[in-house]
Amino acid sequence: MSSGTRLRILRLLLQGEKDVTRVAKHLGGTEANASAQIKILQESGLVECRYEPGQHGLKKLSRTKVRRIIIEL
């Protein structure tokens, strides 16, 4: 969790499943960056993704695999 962006994504996804476009808008960044950050979260086992048909091909939907995150400093 060395990235504040990834923490923000996790907080957003705790509210429910979101597509990459919605995550990017929430972050105020690009879809490419949001997708890259989601991929890191997915590889760490905190997020799971699935694809479904969208208006222009497939859209990637992500959700957390956890209900609660505790960070000790």
PDB file of N, CA and C in Angstrom:
ATOM      1  N   MET A   1       0.831  -1.191   0.000  1.00  0.00           N
ATOM      2  CA  MET A   1       0.000   0.000   0.000  1.00  0.00           C
ATOM      3  C   MET A   1       0.873   1.250   0.000  1.00  0.00           C
ATOM      4  N   SER A   2       1.924   1.211  -0.789  1.00  0.00           N
ATOM      5  CA  SER A   2       2.834   2.349  -0.852  1.00  0.00           C
ATOM      6  C   SER A   2       2.269   3.495  -1.681  1.00  0.00           C
ATOM      7  N   SER A   3       1.081   3.335  -2.211  1.00  0.00           N
ATOM      8  CA  SER A   3       0.492   4.356  -3.063  1.00  0.00           C
ATOM      9  C   SER A   3      -0.837   4.852  -2.482  1.00  0.00           C
ATOM     10  N   GLY A   4      -0.935   6.151  -2.311  1.00  0.00           N
ATOM     11  CA  GLY A   4      -2.196   6.743  -1.874  1.00  0.00           C
ATOM     12  C   GLY A   4      -3.304   6.510  -2.879  1.00  0.00           C
ATOM     13  N   THR A   5      -2.939   6.441  -4.153  1.00  0.00           N
ATOM     14  CA  THR A   5      -3.925   6.197  -5.213  1.00  0.00           C
ATOM     15  C   THR A   5      -4.567   4.836  -5.034  1.00  0.00           C
ATOM     16  N   ARG A   6      -3.764   3.826  -4.743  1.00  0.00           N
ATOM     17  CA  ARG A   6      -4.324   2.483  -4.559  1.00  0.00           C
ATOM     18  C   ARG A   6      -5.228   2.425  -3.327  1.00  0.00           C
ATOM     19  N   LEU A   7      -4.872   3.144  -2.304  1.00  0.00           N
ATOM     20  CA  LEU A   7      -5.721   3.199  -1.114  1.00  0.00           C
ATOM     21  C   LEU A   7      -7.056   3.855  -1.443  1.00  0.00           C
ATOM     22  N   ARG A   8      -7.020   4.921  -2.220  1.00  0.00           N
ATOM     23  CA  ARG A   8      -8.267   5.584  -2.637  1.00  0.00           C
ATOM     24  C   ARG A   8      -9.129   4.647  -3.480  1.00  0.00           C
ATOM     25  N   ILE A   9      -8.494   3.867  -4.352  1.00  0.00           N
ATOM     26  CA  ILE A   9      -9.241   2.914  -5.173  1.00  0.00           C
ATOM     27  C   ILE A   9      -9.906   1.871  -4.276  1.00  0.00           C
ATOM     28  N   LEU A  10      -9.174   1.350  -3.317  1.00  0.00           N
ATOM     29  CA  LEU A  10      -9.760   0.369  -2.402  1.00  0.00           C
ATOM     30  C   LEU A  10     -10.948   0.942  -1.651  1.00  0.00           C
ATOM     31  N   ARG A  11     -10.811   2.159  -1.166  1.00  0.00           N
ATOM     32  CA  ARG A  11     -11.936   2.798  -0.460  1.00  0.00           C
ATOM     33  C   ARG A  11     -13.155   2.917  -1.373  1.00  0.00           C
ATOM     34  N   LEU A  12     -12.921   3.290  -2.623  1.00  0.00           N
ATOM     35  CA  LEU A  12     -14.019   3.413  -3.582  1.00  0.00           C
ATOM     36  C   LEU A  12     -14.662   2.059  -3.847  1.00  0.00           C
ATOM     37  N   LEU A  13     -13.845   1.038  -4.045  1.00  0.00           N
ATOM     38  CA  LEU A  13     -14.370  -0.285  -4.358  1.00  0.00           C
ATOM     39  C   LEU A  13     -15.045  -0.951  -3.163  1.00  0.00           C
ATOM     40  N   LEU A  14     -14.732  -0.511  -1.955  1.00  0.00           N
ATOM     41  CA  LEU A  14     -15.445  -1.029  -0.780  1.00  0.00           C
ATOM     42  C   LEU A  14     -16.922  -0.648  -0.829  1.00  0.00           C
ATOM     43  N   GLN A  15     -17.254   0.397  -1.588  1.00  0.00           N
ATOM     44  CA  GLN A  15     -18.648   0.834  -1.739  1.00  0.00           C
ATOM     45  C   GLN A  15     -19.399  -0.028  -2.749  1.00  0.00           C
ATOM     46  N   GLY A  16     -18.663  -0.792  -3.559  1.00  0.00           N
ATOM     47  CA  GLY A  16     -19.287  -1.647  -4.560  1.00  0.00           C
ATOM     48  C   GLY A  16     -18.458  -1.723  -5.826  1.00  0.00           C
ATOM     49  N   GLU A  17     -18.836  -2.642  -6.686  1.00  0.00           N
ATOM     50  CA  GLU A  17     -18.124  -2.879  -7.941  1.00  0.00           C
ATOM     51  C   GLU A  17     -18.169  -1.642  -8.837  1.00  0.00           C
ATOM     52  N   LYS A  18     -17.033  -1.337  -9.453  1.00  0.00           N
ATOM     53  CA  LYS A  18     -16.932  -0.160 -10.338  1.00  0.00           C
ATOM     54  C   LYS A  18     -16.147  -0.533 -11.585  1.00  0.00           C
ATOM     55  N   ASP A  19     -16.447   0.153 -12.689  1.00  0.00           N
ATOM     56  CA  ASP A  19     -15.641  -0.042 -13.884  1.00  0.00           C
ATOM     57  C   ASP A  19     -14.475   0.951 -13.885  1.00  0.00           C
ATOM     58  N   VAL A  20     -13.499   0.694 -14.747  1.00  0.00           N
ATOM     59  CA  VAL A  20     -12.276   1.496 -14.773  1.00  0.00           C
ATOM     60  C   VAL A  20     -12.581   2.961 -15.063  1.00  0.00           C
ATOM     61  N   THR A  21     -13.548   3.230 -15.918  1.00  0.00           N
ATOM     62  CA  THR A  21     -13.903   4.615 -16.251  1.00  0.00           C
ATOM     63  C   THR A  21     -14.370   5.362 -15.014  1.00  0.00           C
ATOM     64  N   ARG A  22     -15.207   4.738 -14.216  1.00  0.00           N
ATOM     65  CA  ARG A  22     -15.707   5.375 -12.995  1.00  0.00           C
ATOM     66  C   ARG A  22     -14.585   5.586 -11.981  1.00  0.00           C
ATOM     67  N   VAL A  23     -13.684   4.615 -11.869  1.00  0.00           N
ATOM     68  CA  VAL A  23     -12.543   4.751 -10.959  1.00  0.00           C
ATOM     69  C   VAL A  23     -11.674   5.927 -11.395  1.00  0.00           C
ATOM     70  N   ALA A  24     -11.397   6.016 -12.686  1.00  0.00           N
ATOM     71  CA  ALA A  24     -10.562   7.108 -13.205  1.00  0.00           C
ATOM     72  C   ALA A  24     -11.205   8.464 -12.945  1.00  0.00           C
ATOM     73  N   LYS A  25     -12.503   8.575 -13.156  1.00  0.00           N
ATOM     74  CA  LYS A  25     -13.198   9.844 -12.896  1.00  0.00           C
ATOM     75  C   LYS A  25     -13.130  10.216 -11.427  1.00  0.00           C
ATOM     76  N   HIS A  26     -13.289   9.245 -10.562  1.00  0.00           N
ATOM     77  CA  HIS A  26     -13.223   9.494  -9.118  1.00  0.00           C
ATOM     78  C   HIS A  26     -11.832   9.999  -8.713  1.00  0.00           C
ATOM     79  N   LEU A  27     -10.808   9.439  -9.348  1.00  0.00           N
ATOM     80  CA  LEU A  27      -9.433   9.826  -9.036  1.00  0.00           C
ATOM     81  C   LEU A  27      -9.016  11.118  -9.721  1.00  0.00           C
ATOM     82  N   GLY A  28      -9.757  11.505 -10.764  1.00  0.00           N
ATOM     83  CA  GLY A  28      -9.368  12.675 -11.545  1.00  0.00           C
ATOM     84  C   GLY A  28      -8.167  12.391 -12.429  1.00  0.00           C
ATOM     85  N   GLY A  29      -8.005  11.139 -12.851  1.00  0.00           N
ATOM     86  CA  GLY A  29      -6.871  10.740 -13.677  1.00  0.00           C
ATOM     87  C   GLY A  29      -7.321  10.021 -14.934  1.00  0.00           C
ATOM     88  N   THR A  30      -6.384   9.340 -15.553  1.00  0.00           N
ATOM     89  CA  THR A  30      -6.665   8.635 -16.796  1.00  0.00           C
ATOM     90  C   THR A  30      -7.118   7.206 -16.528  1.00  0.00           C
ATOM     91  N   GLU A  31      -7.792   6.641 -17.511  1.00  0.00           N
ATOM     92  CA  GLU A  31      -8.206   5.241 -17.403  1.00  0.00           C
ATOM     93  C   GLU A  31      -6.987   4.320 -17.408  1.00  0.00           C
ATOM     94  N   ALA A  32      -5.957   4.697 -18.154  1.00  0.00           N
ATOM     95  CA  ALA A  32      -4.739   3.885 -18.210  1.00  0.00           C
ATOM     96  C   ALA A  32      -4.096   3.787 -16.826  1.00  0.00           C
ATOM     97  N   ASN A  33      -4.011   4.901 -16.117  1.00  0.00           N
ATOM     98  CA  ASN A  33      -3.427   4.886 -14.778  1.00  0.00           C
ATOM     99  C   ASN A  33      -4.309   4.096 -13.811  1.00  0.00           C
ATOM    100  N   ALA A  34      -5.608   4.310 -13.868  1.00  0.00           N
ATOM    101  CA  ALA A  34      -6.521   3.579 -12.989  1.00  0.00           C
ATOM    102  C   ALA A  34      -6.406   2.079 -13.237  1.00  0.00           C
ATOM    103  N   SER A  35      -6.345   1.692 -14.502  1.00  0.00           N
ATOM    104  CA  SER A  35      -6.231   0.281 -14.851  1.00  0.00           C
ATOM    105  C   SER A  35      -4.920  -0.312 -14.338  1.00  0.00           C
ATOM    106  N   ALA A  36      -3.836   0.435 -14.448  1.00  0.00           N
ATOM    107  CA  ALA A  36      -2.532  -0.038 -13.970  1.00  0.00           C
ATOM    108  C   ALA A  36      -2.546  -0.222 -12.457  1.00  0.00           C
ATOM    109  N   GLN A  37      -3.162   0.713 -11.751  1.00  0.00           N
ATOM    110  CA  GLN A  37      -3.233   0.612 -10.284  1.00  0.00           C
ATOM    111  C   GLN A  37      -4.125  -0.554  -9.859  1.00  0.00           C
ATOM    112  N   ILE A  38      -5.223  -0.756 -10.576  1.00  0.00           N
ATOM    113  CA  ILE A  38      -6.125  -1.870 -10.282  1.00  0.00           C
ATOM    114  C   ILE A  38      -5.410  -3.195 -10.515  1.00  0.00           C
ATOM    115  N   LYS A  39      -4.600  -3.253 -11.562  1.00  0.00           N
ATOM    116  CA  LYS A  39      -3.847  -4.477 -11.849  1.00  0.00           C
ATOM    117  C   LYS A  39      -2.904  -4.820 -10.691  1.00  0.00           C
ATOM    118  N   ILE A  40      -2.249  -3.824 -10.125  1.00  0.00           N
ATOM    119  CA  ILE A  40      -1.364  -4.052  -8.976  1.00  0.00           C
ATOM    120  C   ILE A  40      -2.170  -4.580  -7.791  1.00  0.00           C
ATOM    121  N   LEU A  41      -3.340  -3.990  -7.555  1.00  0.00           N
ATOM    122  CA  LEU A  41      -4.202  -4.455  -6.464  1.00  0.00           C
ATOM    123  C   LEU A  41      -4.695  -5.878  -6.716  1.00  0.00           C
ATOM    124  N   GLN A  42      -4.967  -6.184  -7.972  1.00  0.00           N
ATOM    125  CA  GLN A  42      -5.415  -7.527  -8.338  1.00  0.00           C
ATOM    126  C   GLN A  42      -4.292  -8.535  -8.106  1.00  0.00           C
ATOM    127  N   GLU A  43      -3.092  -8.194  -8.508  1.00  0.00           N
ATOM    128  CA  GLU A  43      -1.947  -9.093  -8.322  1.00  0.00           C
ATOM    129  C   GLU A  43      -1.621  -9.308  -6.847  1.00  0.00           C
ATOM    130  N   SER A  44      -1.968  -8.333  -6.012  1.00  0.00           N
ATOM    131  CA  SER A  44      -1.710  -8.463  -4.575  1.00  0.00           C
ATOM    132  C   SER A  44      -2.815  -9.266  -3.870  1.00  0.00           C
ATOM    133  N   GLY A  45      -3.882  -9.577  -4.581  1.00  0.00           N
ATOM    134  CA  GLY A  45      -4.963 -10.368  -4.003  1.00  0.00           C
ATOM    135  C   GLY A  45      -6.029  -9.557  -3.282  1.00  0.00           C
ATOM    136  N   LEU A  46      -5.971  -8.229  -3.391  1.00  0.00           N
ATOM    137  CA  LEU A  46      -6.953  -7.382  -2.709  1.00  0.00           C
ATOM    138  C   LEU A  46      -8.186  -7.091  -3.558  1.00  0.00           C
ATOM    139  N   VAL A  47      -8.044  -7.223  -4.879  1.00  0.00           N
ATOM    140  CA  VAL A  47      -9.122  -6.878  -5.812  1.00  0.00           C
ATOM    141  C   VAL A  47      -9.294  -8.020  -6.804  1.00  0.00           C
ATOM    142  N   GLU A  48     -10.543  -8.244  -7.210  1.00  0.00           N
ATOM    143  CA  GLU A  48     -10.804  -9.193  -8.289  1.00  0.00           C
ATOM    144  C   GLU A  48     -11.535  -8.468  -9.407  1.00  0.00           C
ATOM    145  N   CYS A  49     -11.299  -8.908 -10.634  1.00  0.00           N
ATOM    146  CA  CYS A  49     -11.851  -8.231 -11.800  1.00  0.00           C
ATOM    147  C   CYS A  49     -12.589  -9.226 -12.685  1.00  0.00           C
ATOM    148  N   ARG A  50     -13.534  -8.694 -13.426  1.00  0.00           N
ATOM    149  CA  ARG A  50     -14.248  -9.484 -14.430  1.00  0.00           C
ATOM    150  C   ARG A  50     -14.558  -8.566 -15.598  1.00  0.00           C
ATOM    151  N   TYR A  51     -14.894  -9.147 -16.722  1.00  0.00           N
ATOM    152  CA  TYR A  51     -15.195  -8.369 -17.913  1.00  0.00           C
ATOM    153  C   TYR A  51     -16.633  -8.637 -18.331  1.00  0.00           C
ATOM    154  N   GLU A  52     -17.258  -7.586 -18.855  1.00  0.00           N
ATOM    155  CA  GLU A  52     -18.602  -7.738 -19.414  1.00  0.00           C
ATOM    156  C   GLU A  52     -18.720  -6.831 -20.633  1.00  0.00           C
ATOM    157  N   PRO A  53     -19.661  -7.140 -21.517  1.00  0.00           N
ATOM    158  CA  PRO A  53     -19.802  -6.317 -22.719  1.00  0.00           C
ATOM    159  C   PRO A  53     -20.154  -4.876 -22.365  1.00  0.00           C
ATOM    160  N   GLY A  54     -19.511  -3.956 -23.065  1.00  0.00           N
ATOM    161  CA  GLY A  54     -19.781  -2.531 -22.885  1.00  0.00           C
ATOM    162  C   GLY A  54     -20.200  -1.911 -24.203  1.00  0.00           C
ATOM    163  N   GLN A  55     -20.274  -0.606 -24.257  1.00  0.00           N
ATOM    164  CA  GLN A  55     -20.682   0.081 -25.487  1.00  0.00           C
ATOM    165  C   GLN A  55     -19.650  -0.061 -26.601  1.00  0.00           C
ATOM    166  N   HIS A  56     -18.382  -0.127 -26.232  1.00  0.00           N
ATOM    167  CA  HIS A  56     -17.301  -0.203 -27.218  1.00  0.00           C
ATOM    168  C   HIS A  56     -16.385  -1.384 -26.916  1.00  0.00           C
ATOM    169  N   GLY A  57     -16.928  -2.577 -26.864  1.00  0.00           N
ATOM    170  CA  GLY A  57     -16.138  -3.759 -26.541  1.00  0.00           C
ATOM    171  C   GLY A  57     -16.382  -4.200 -25.110  1.00  0.00           C
ATOM    172  N   LEU A  58     -15.341  -4.698 -24.474  1.00  0.00           N
ATOM    173  CA  LEU A  58     -15.465  -5.179 -23.099  1.00  0.00           C
ATOM    174  C   LEU A  58     -15.113  -4.085 -22.104  1.00  0.00           C
ATOM    175  N   LYS A  59     -15.786  -4.110 -20.955  1.00  0.00           N
ATOM    176  CA  LYS A  59     -15.393  -3.202 -19.880  1.00  0.00           C
ATOM    177  C   LYS A  59     -14.979  -4.033 -18.685  1.00  0.00           C
ATOM    178  N   LYS A  60     -13.975  -3.537 -17.990  1.00  0.00           N
ATOM    179  CA  LYS A  60     -13.400  -4.232 -16.841  1.00  0.00           C
ATOM    180  C   LYS A  60     -14.069  -3.720 -15.577  1.00  0.00           C
ATOM    181  N   LEU A  61     -14.641  -4.634 -14.806  1.00  0.00           N
ATOM    182  CA  LEU A  61     -15.276  -4.300 -13.539  1.00  0.00           C
ATOM    183  C   LEU A  61     -14.429  -4.868 -12.409  1.00  0.00           C
ATOM    184  N   SER A  62     -14.259  -4.073 -11.376  1.00  0.00           N
ATOM    185  CA  SER A  62     -13.418  -4.479 -10.246  1.00  0.00           C
ATOM    186  C   SER A  62     -14.198  -4.362  -8.954  1.00  0.00           C
ATOM    187  N   ARG A  63     -13.836  -5.238  -8.017  1.00  0.00           N
ATOM    188  CA  ARG A  63     -14.403  -5.167  -6.676  1.00  0.00           C
ATOM    189  C   ARG A  63     -13.363  -5.703  -5.700  1.00  0.00           C
ATOM    190  N   THR A  64     -13.517  -5.319  -4.450  1.00  0.00           N
ATOM    191  CA  THR A  64     -12.559  -5.770  -3.443  1.00  0.00           C
ATOM    192  C   THR A  64     -12.837  -7.222  -3.079  1.00  0.00           C
ATOM    193  N   LYS A  65     -11.794  -7.910  -2.682  1.00  0.00           N
ATOM    194  CA  LYS A  65     -11.925  -9.275  -2.174  1.00  0.00           C
ATOM    195  C   LYS A  65     -11.959  -9.259  -0.651  1.00  0.00           C
ATOM    196  N   VAL A  66     -11.872  -8.072  -0.075  1.00  0.00           N
ATOM    197  CA  VAL A  66     -11.869  -7.918   1.381  1.00  0.00           C
ATOM    198  C   VAL A  66     -12.994  -6.973   1.779  1.00  0.00           C
ATOM    199  N   ARG A  67     -13.418  -7.049   3.005  1.00  0.00           N
ATOM    200  CA  ARG A  67     -14.468  -6.160   3.506  1.00  0.00           C
ATOM    201  C   ARG A  67     -13.894  -5.028   4.334  1.00  0.00           C
ATOM    202  N   ARG A  68     -12.720  -5.269   4.898  1.00  0.00           N
ATOM    203  CA  ARG A  68     -12.132  -4.293   5.786  1.00  0.00           C
ATOM    204  C   ARG A  68     -10.616  -4.314   5.632  1.00  0.00           C
ATOM    205  N   ILE A  69     -10.021  -3.157   5.712  1.00  0.00           N
ATOM    206  CA  ILE A  69      -8.569  -3.047   5.604  1.00  0.00           C
ATOM    207  C   ILE A  69      -8.067  -2.321   6.846  1.00  0.00           C
ATOM    208  N   ILE A  70      -7.109  -2.914   7.526  1.00  0.00           N
ATOM    209  CA  ILE A  70      -6.519  -2.288   8.700  1.00  0.00           C
ATOM    210  C   ILE A  70      -5.063  -2.002   8.386  1.00  0.00           C
ATOM    211  N   ILE A  71      -4.687  -0.754   8.536  1.00  0.00           N
ATOM    212  CA  ILE A  71      -3.302  -0.351   8.281  1.00  0.00           C
ATOM    213  C   ILE A  71      -2.705   0.118   9.586  1.00  0.00           C
ATOM    214  N   GLU A  72      -1.655  -0.561  10.013  1.00  0.00           N
ATOM    215  CA  GLU A  72      -0.968  -0.174  11.244  1.00  0.00           C
ATOM    216  C   GLU A  72       0.291   0.596  10.874  1.00  0.00           C
ATOM    217  N   LEU A  73       0.485   1.699  11.514  1.00  0.00           N
ATOM    218  CA  LEU A  73       1.669   2.522  11.257  1.00  0.00           C
ATOM    219  C   LEU A  73       2.646   2.450  12.410  1.00  0.00           C
TER     220      LEU A  73
END
